[in-house]
Amino acid sequence: MQKLTNKEEEVMKMLWKLEKAFVKDILAEFGDNKPHYNTLSTIIRNLEEKGYVGHVAYGNTYQYHPIVQKEEYRKKFIHSAMTDYFNNSYKSLVSFFAEEEKISAEELREIIRRIENKK
């Protein structure tokens, strides 16, 4: 699975939300900061070449849908971050969030309870 650019990931998030969409539907999701139609179309074609998106043709118009599911991408993304930034250590990952005060002691206790209940 190839890594996505920030723009490609943004488009995938929209497509996961919509489940299936034409370029104009995805364009509408951008709000005020819309890319040009042709730019968005190119991003979607790149996603298709990378194997993230498929399409159904309706004449000259394509309706796109995700091939890679959000959960599958999330697992790959987390694994990549673990490898690249935390030396494959979940302890380092959790410690990072604790030190940055992004996770509370109660949340850590909940994680420990979940781990212990799986045993």
C-alpha atoms as a PDB file:
ATOM      1  CA  MET A   1       0.000   0.000   0.000  1.00  0.00           C
ATOM      2  CA  GLN A   2       1.558   3.264  -1.145  1.00  0.00           C
ATOM      3  CA  LYS A   3       1.716   6.252   1.159  1.00  0.00           C
ATOM      4  CA  LEU A   4      -0.775   9.024   0.435  1.00  0.00           C
ATOM      5  CA  THR A   5      -0.019  12.717   0.126  1.00  0.00           C
ATOM      6  CA  ASN A   6      -1.863  15.064   2.494  1.00  0.00           C
ATOM      7  CA  LYS A   7      -4.295  16.070  -0.278  1.00  0.00           C
ATOM      8  CA  GLU A   8      -4.906  12.440  -1.270  1.00  0.00           C
ATOM      9  CA  GLU A   9      -5.605  11.554   2.351  1.00  0.00           C
ATOM     10  CA  GLU A  10      -8.011  14.493   2.643  1.00  0.00           C
ATOM     11  CA  VAL A  11      -9.894  13.285  -0.443  1.00  0.00           C
ATOM     12  CA  MET A  12      -9.968   9.703   0.875  1.00  0.00           C
ATOM     13  CA  LYS A  13     -11.512  10.912   4.148  1.00  0.00           C
ATOM     14  CA  MET A  14     -14.268  12.568   2.135  1.00  0.00           C
ATOM     15  CA  LEU A  15     -14.787   9.471  -0.001  1.00  0.00           C
ATOM     16  CA  TRP A  16     -14.922   7.197   3.059  1.00  0.00           C
ATOM     17  CA  LYS A  17     -17.592   9.507   4.465  1.00  0.00           C
ATOM     18  CA  LEU A  18     -19.597   9.625   1.220  1.00  0.00           C
ATOM     19  CA  GLU A  19     -18.989   5.922   0.374  1.00  0.00           C
ATOM     20  CA  LYS A  20     -19.511   6.615  -3.344  1.00  0.00           C
ATOM     21  CA  ALA A  21     -19.398   9.912  -5.162  1.00  0.00           C
ATOM     22  CA  PHE A  22     -18.876  11.786  -8.379  1.00  0.00           C
ATOM     23  CA  VAL A  23     -16.084  14.385  -8.542  1.00  0.00           C
ATOM     24  CA  LYS A  24     -18.664  17.170  -8.077  1.00  0.00           C
ATOM     25  CA  ASP A  25     -19.890  15.513  -4.841  1.00  0.00           C
ATOM     26  CA  ILE A  26     -16.373  15.383  -3.424  1.00  0.00           C
ATOM     27  CA  LEU A  27     -15.751  18.963  -4.555  1.00  0.00           C
ATOM     28  CA  ALA A  28     -18.814  20.075  -2.565  1.00  0.00           C
ATOM     29  CA  GLU A  29     -17.254  18.608   0.611  1.00  0.00           C
ATOM     30  CA  PHE A  30     -14.366  21.097   0.487  1.00  0.00           C
ATOM     31  CA  GLY A  31     -16.403  24.151   1.476  1.00  0.00           C
ATOM     32  CA  ASP A  32     -14.658  27.474   0.801  1.00  0.00           C
ATOM     33  CA  ASN A  33     -11.195  26.104  -0.001  1.00  0.00           C
ATOM     34  CA  LYS A  34     -12.132  24.109  -3.117  1.00  0.00           C
ATOM     35  CA  PRO A  35      -9.457  22.896  -5.529  1.00  0.00           C
ATOM     36  CA  HIS A  36     -10.137  23.272  -9.246  1.00  0.00           C
ATOM     37  CA  TYR A  37     -12.332  20.487 -10.650  1.00  0.00           C
ATOM     38  CA  ASN A  38      -9.486  19.205 -12.872  1.00  0.00           C
ATOM     39  CA  THR A  39      -7.052  19.204  -9.929  1.00  0.00           C
ATOM     40  CA  LEU A  40      -9.447  17.121  -7.843  1.00  0.00           C
ATOM     41  CA  SER A  41     -10.058  14.802 -10.779  1.00  0.00           C
ATOM     42  CA  THR A  42      -6.283  14.261 -11.091  1.00  0.00           C
ATOM     43  CA  ILE A  43      -5.981  13.506  -7.354  1.00  0.00           C
ATOM     44  CA  ILE A  44      -8.763  10.926  -7.637  1.00  0.00           C
ATOM     45  CA  ARG A  45      -7.142   9.303 -10.672  1.00  0.00           C
ATOM     46  CA  ASN A  46      -3.865   9.116  -8.711  1.00  0.00           C
ATOM     47  CA  LEU A  47      -5.740   7.414  -5.868  1.00  0.00           C
ATOM     48  CA  GLU A  48      -7.144   4.977  -8.396  1.00  0.00           C
ATOM     49  CA  GLU A  49      -3.668   4.233  -9.779  1.00  0.00           C
ATOM     50  CA  LYS A  50      -2.432   3.595  -6.230  1.00  0.00           C
ATOM     51  CA  GLY A  51      -5.279   1.111  -5.699  1.00  0.00           C
ATOM     52  CA  TYR A  52      -7.256   3.098  -3.137  1.00  0.00           C
ATOM     53  CA  VAL A  53     -10.230   4.001  -5.336  1.00  0.00           C
ATOM     54  CA  GLY A  54     -12.340   2.269  -7.951  1.00  0.00           C
ATOM     55  CA  HIS A  55     -15.056   3.584 -10.218  1.00  0.00           C
ATOM     56  CA  VAL A  56     -18.265   2.737 -12.021  1.00  0.00           C
ATOM     57  CA  ALA A  57     -18.714   4.425 -15.404  1.00  0.00           C
ATOM     58  CA  TYR A  58     -22.008   6.078 -16.326  1.00  0.00           C
ATOM     59  CA  GLY A  59     -21.312   7.131 -19.903  1.00  0.00           C
ATOM     60  CA  ASN A  60     -18.488   9.677 -19.700  1.00  0.00           C
ATOM     61  CA  THR A  61     -18.983  10.222 -15.954  1.00  0.00           C
ATOM     62  CA  TYR A  62     -17.371   8.149 -13.208  1.00  0.00           C
ATOM     63  CA  GLN A  63     -18.712   7.451  -9.757  1.00  0.00           C
ATOM     64  CA  TYR A  64     -15.845   6.686  -7.391  1.00  0.00           C
ATOM     65  CA  HIS A  65     -15.772   4.450  -4.330  1.00  0.00           C
ATOM     66  CA  PRO A  66     -13.052   3.450  -1.852  1.00  0.00           C
ATOM     67  CA  ILE A  67     -11.376   0.094  -2.387  1.00  0.00           C
ATOM     68  CA  VAL A  68      -9.167   0.435   0.693  1.00  0.00           C
ATOM     69  CA  GLN A  69     -11.308   0.774   3.793  1.00  0.00           C
ATOM     70  CA  LYS A  70     -10.603   3.404   6.430  1.00  0.00           C
ATOM     71  CA  GLU A  71      -9.752   0.810   9.107  1.00  0.00           C
ATOM     72  CA  GLU A  72      -7.229  -0.902   6.810  1.00  0.00           C
ATOM     73  CA  TYR A  73      -5.551   2.432   6.051  1.00  0.00           C
ATOM     74  CA  ARG A  74      -5.543   3.399   9.742  1.00  0.00           C
ATOM     75  CA  LYS A  75      -3.759   0.175  10.682  1.00  0.00           C
ATOM     76  CA  LYS A  76      -1.140   0.775   7.978  1.00  0.00           C
ATOM     77  CA  PHE A  77      -0.704   4.409   9.035  1.00  0.00           C
ATOM     78  CA  ILE A  78      -0.287   3.521  12.725  1.00  0.00           C
ATOM     79  CA  HIS A  79       2.151   0.709  11.895  1.00  0.00           C
ATOM     80  CA  SER A  80       4.172   3.091   9.721  1.00  0.00           C
ATOM     81  CA  ALA A  81       4.250   5.746  12.482  1.00  0.00           C
ATOM     82  CA  MET A  82       5.288   3.097  15.014  1.00  0.00           C
ATOM     83  CA  THR A  83       8.152   2.011  12.788  1.00  0.00           C
ATOM     84  CA  ASP A  84       9.267   5.480  11.683  1.00  0.00           C
ATOM     85  CA  TYR A  85       8.904   7.447  14.929  1.00  0.00           C
ATOM     86  CA  PHE A  86       8.620   5.085  17.900  1.00  0.00           C
ATOM     87  CA  ASN A  87      11.134   2.328  17.111  1.00  0.00           C
ATOM     88  CA  ASN A  88       8.318  -0.262  16.942  1.00  0.00           C
ATOM     89  CA  SER A  89       7.528   0.340  20.619  1.00  0.00           C
ATOM     90  CA  TYR A  90       3.932   0.776  21.781  1.00  0.00           C
ATOM     91  CA  LYS A  91       5.362   1.805  25.143  1.00  0.00           C
ATOM     92  CA  SER A  92       7.170   4.706  23.437  1.00  0.00           C
ATOM     93  CA  LEU A  93       3.990   5.660  21.603  1.00  0.00           C
ATOM     94  CA  VAL A  94       1.857   5.736  24.750  1.00  0.00           C
ATOM     95  CA  SER A  95       4.638   7.497  26.684  1.00  0.00           C
ATOM     96  CA  PHE A  96       4.754  10.176  23.988  1.00  0.00           C
ATOM     97  CA  PHE A  97       1.028  10.886  24.400  1.00  0.00           C
ATOM     98  CA  ALA A  98       1.326  10.859  28.195  1.00  0.00           C
ATOM     99  CA  GLU A  99       4.267  13.302  28.137  1.00  0.00           C
ATOM    100  CA  GLU A 100       2.449  15.583  25.702  1.00  0.00           C
ATOM    101  CA  GLU A 101      -0.573  15.440  28.026  1.00  0.00           C
ATOM    102  CA  LYS A 102      -2.721  14.120  25.192  1.00  0.00           C
ATOM    103  CA  ILE A 103      -3.921  11.169  27.268  1.00  0.00           C
ATOM    104  CA  SER A 104      -5.196  11.206  30.830  1.00  0.00           C
ATOM    105  CA  ALA A 105      -4.440   8.797  33.658  1.00  0.00           C
ATOM    106  CA  GLU A 106      -8.063   7.624  33.505  1.00  0.00           C
ATOM    107  CA  GLU A 107      -7.721   6.882  29.779  1.00  0.00           C
ATOM    108  CA  LEU A 108      -4.543   4.909  30.495  1.00  0.00           C
ATOM    109  CA  ARG A 109      -6.361   2.924  33.195  1.00  0.00           C
ATOM    110  CA  GLU A 110      -9.140   2.177  30.679  1.00  0.00           C
ATOM    111  CA  ILE A 111      -6.553   0.899  28.180  1.00  0.00           C
ATOM    112  CA  ILE A 112      -5.029  -1.323  30.889  1.00  0.00           C
ATOM    113  CA  ARG A 113      -8.517  -2.684  31.760  1.00  0.00           C
ATOM    114  CA  ARG A 114      -9.130  -3.505  28.091  1.00  0.00           C
ATOM    115  CA  ILE A 115      -5.787  -5.313  27.825  1.00  0.00           C
ATOM    116  CA  GLU A 116      -6.411  -7.288  31.028  1.00  0.00           C
ATOM    117  CA  ASN A 117      -9.950  -8.257  29.888  1.00  0.00           C
ATOM    118  CA  LYS A 118      -8.563  -9.720  26.651  1.00  0.00           C
ATOM    119  CA  LYS A 119      -6.321 -12.160  28.554  1.00  0.00           C
END
